[in-house]
Amino acid sequence: MNPVLPFLEIEASSAPRVEVRFDGAPLLLPLGANLAAALLAARIERFRDTPVSGAPRAPFCMMGACFDCLVEIDGVQRQACMIEVAEGLQIARAGSPEVRHVAS
């Protein structure tokens, strides 16, 4: 196991790779893998920004409790850690700068 980035072991998976898009860029991820883990293994380090401060967020709990892995999947905001990789997913960072609130 890689003690620094354990999710990188997904890269060695023998599962077939399928194409998904993250913010419009194509990625080949292992079919059926946990989406949050697969995105981390693909070196995606920022899944969303907090609505108040704009601070970057990424998976934390990996079990659906914290919502830090929230992304937009096919137009619906979902927790990436609760989704399996499937061919053709259209994934985008959750939230947009147009609706971000800036703390005073």
Protein backbone atom coordinates (compact mmCIF):
# COMPACT_ATOMS: atom_id res chain seq x y z
CA MET A 1 0.00 0.00 0.00
CA ASN A 2 1.20 3.48 -0.83
CA PRO A 3 1.24 5.18 2.63
CA VAL A 4 1.18 8.69 1.15
CA LEU A 5 -1.61 8.30 -1.43
CA PRO A 6 -3.39 4.95 -0.90
CA PHE A 7 -5.93 5.67 -3.65
CA LEU A 8 -3.17 5.43 -6.25
CA GLU A 9 -3.46 1.64 -5.98
CA ILE A 10 -6.59 1.98 -8.11
CA GLU A 11 -4.26 2.79 -11.03
CA ALA A 12 -3.03 -0.82 -10.97
CA SER A 13 -6.59 -2.21 -11.12
CA SER A 14 -7.31 -4.72 -13.88
CA ALA A 15 -10.87 -3.40 -14.29
CA PRO A 16 -11.69 -2.13 -17.77
CA ARG A 17 -11.33 1.63 -18.17
CA VAL A 18 -14.25 3.79 -19.28
CA GLU A 19 -14.29 7.40 -20.34
CA VAL A 20 -15.88 10.03 -18.13
CA ARG A 21 -15.53 13.80 -18.30
CA PHE A 22 -14.52 15.99 -15.39
CA ASP A 23 -15.04 19.70 -16.06
CA GLY A 24 -15.07 18.82 -19.74
CA ALA A 25 -11.72 16.97 -19.72
CA PRO A 26 -11.75 13.26 -20.60
CA LEU A 27 -10.57 10.77 -17.98
CA LEU A 28 -10.24 6.99 -18.21
CA LEU A 29 -11.35 5.50 -14.89
CA PRO A 30 -11.83 1.87 -13.78
CA LEU A 31 -15.38 0.67 -14.38
CA GLY A 32 -17.23 0.08 -11.09
CA ALA A 33 -14.62 1.80 -8.90
CA ASN A 34 -15.66 4.25 -6.22
CA LEU A 35 -15.87 7.57 -8.08
CA ALA A 36 -14.26 9.68 -5.34
CA ALA A 37 -11.32 7.26 -5.03
CA ALA A 38 -10.92 7.03 -8.81
CA LEU A 39 -10.88 10.83 -9.16
CA LEU A 40 -8.27 11.10 -6.41
CA ALA A 41 -6.16 8.46 -8.17
CA ALA A 42 -6.51 10.53 -11.36
CA ARG A 43 -4.95 13.42 -9.42
CA ILE A 44 -8.16 15.47 -9.11
CA GLU A 45 -7.50 17.33 -5.86
CA ARG A 46 -10.37 19.84 -5.78
CA PHE A 47 -13.95 18.56 -6.06
CA ARG A 48 -15.77 21.73 -5.06
CA ASP A 49 -15.32 25.11 -3.39
CA THR A 50 -17.09 26.14 -0.20
CA PRO A 51 -19.91 28.60 -0.95
CA VAL A 52 -18.86 31.19 1.66
CA SER A 53 -15.07 31.42 1.49
CA GLY A 54 -14.36 29.62 -1.78
CA ALA A 55 -11.95 27.25 -0.02
CA PRO A 56 -11.22 24.08 -2.01
CA ARG A 57 -12.73 20.81 -0.75
CA ALA A 58 -12.06 17.15 -1.56
CA PRO A 59 -13.16 13.78 -0.13
CA PHE A 60 -12.71 13.44 3.61
CA CYS A 61 -14.80 10.66 5.15
CA MET A 62 -15.34 8.45 2.05
CA MET A 63 -18.62 7.16 3.51
CA GLY A 64 -21.19 9.84 2.69
CA ALA A 65 -21.26 11.71 5.99
CA CYS A 66 -19.33 14.91 5.27
CA PHE A 67 -20.38 16.07 1.75
CA ASP A 68 -16.85 17.32 0.98
CA CYS A 69 -16.80 15.17 -2.18
CA LEU A 70 -19.93 16.81 -3.59
CA VAL A 71 -19.79 17.07 -7.39
CA GLU A 72 -22.31 17.61 -10.14
CA ILE A 73 -22.94 14.36 -12.02
CA ASP A 74 -25.05 14.57 -15.16
CA GLY A 75 -26.54 17.83 -13.86
CA VAL A 76 -27.35 16.59 -10.33
CA GLN A 77 -25.28 17.33 -7.21
CA ARG A 78 -24.17 14.01 -5.69
CA GLN A 79 -21.55 12.70 -3.29
CA ALA A 80 -18.77 11.13 -5.37
CA CYS A 81 -17.95 8.63 -2.61
CA MET A 82 -21.42 7.11 -2.98
CA ILE A 83 -21.23 6.59 -6.77
CA GLU A 84 -19.56 3.91 -8.89
CA VAL A 85 -17.69 4.82 -12.07
CA ALA A 86 -19.85 4.23 -15.17
CA GLU A 87 -19.12 5.00 -18.78
CA GLY A 88 -20.08 8.46 -19.98
CA LEU A 89 -20.50 10.23 -16.63
CA GLN A 90 -20.41 14.00 -17.02
CA ILE A 91 -18.83 15.32 -13.82
CA ALA A 92 -18.28 18.95 -12.83
CA ARG A 93 -17.12 20.70 -9.70
CA ALA A 94 -20.13 21.51 -7.52
CA GLY A 95 -21.15 25.13 -7.19
CA SER A 96 -20.24 28.01 -9.42
CA PRO A 97 -18.52 31.35 -8.87
CA GLU A 98 -21.73 33.14 -9.87
CA VAL A 99 -23.51 31.93 -6.72
CA ARG A 100 -20.56 32.07 -4.34
CA HIS A 101 -21.07 34.31 -1.31
CA VAL A 102 -18.02 36.21 -0.13
CA ALA A 103 -17.53 36.66 3.61
CA SER A 104 -17.22 40.28 4.68
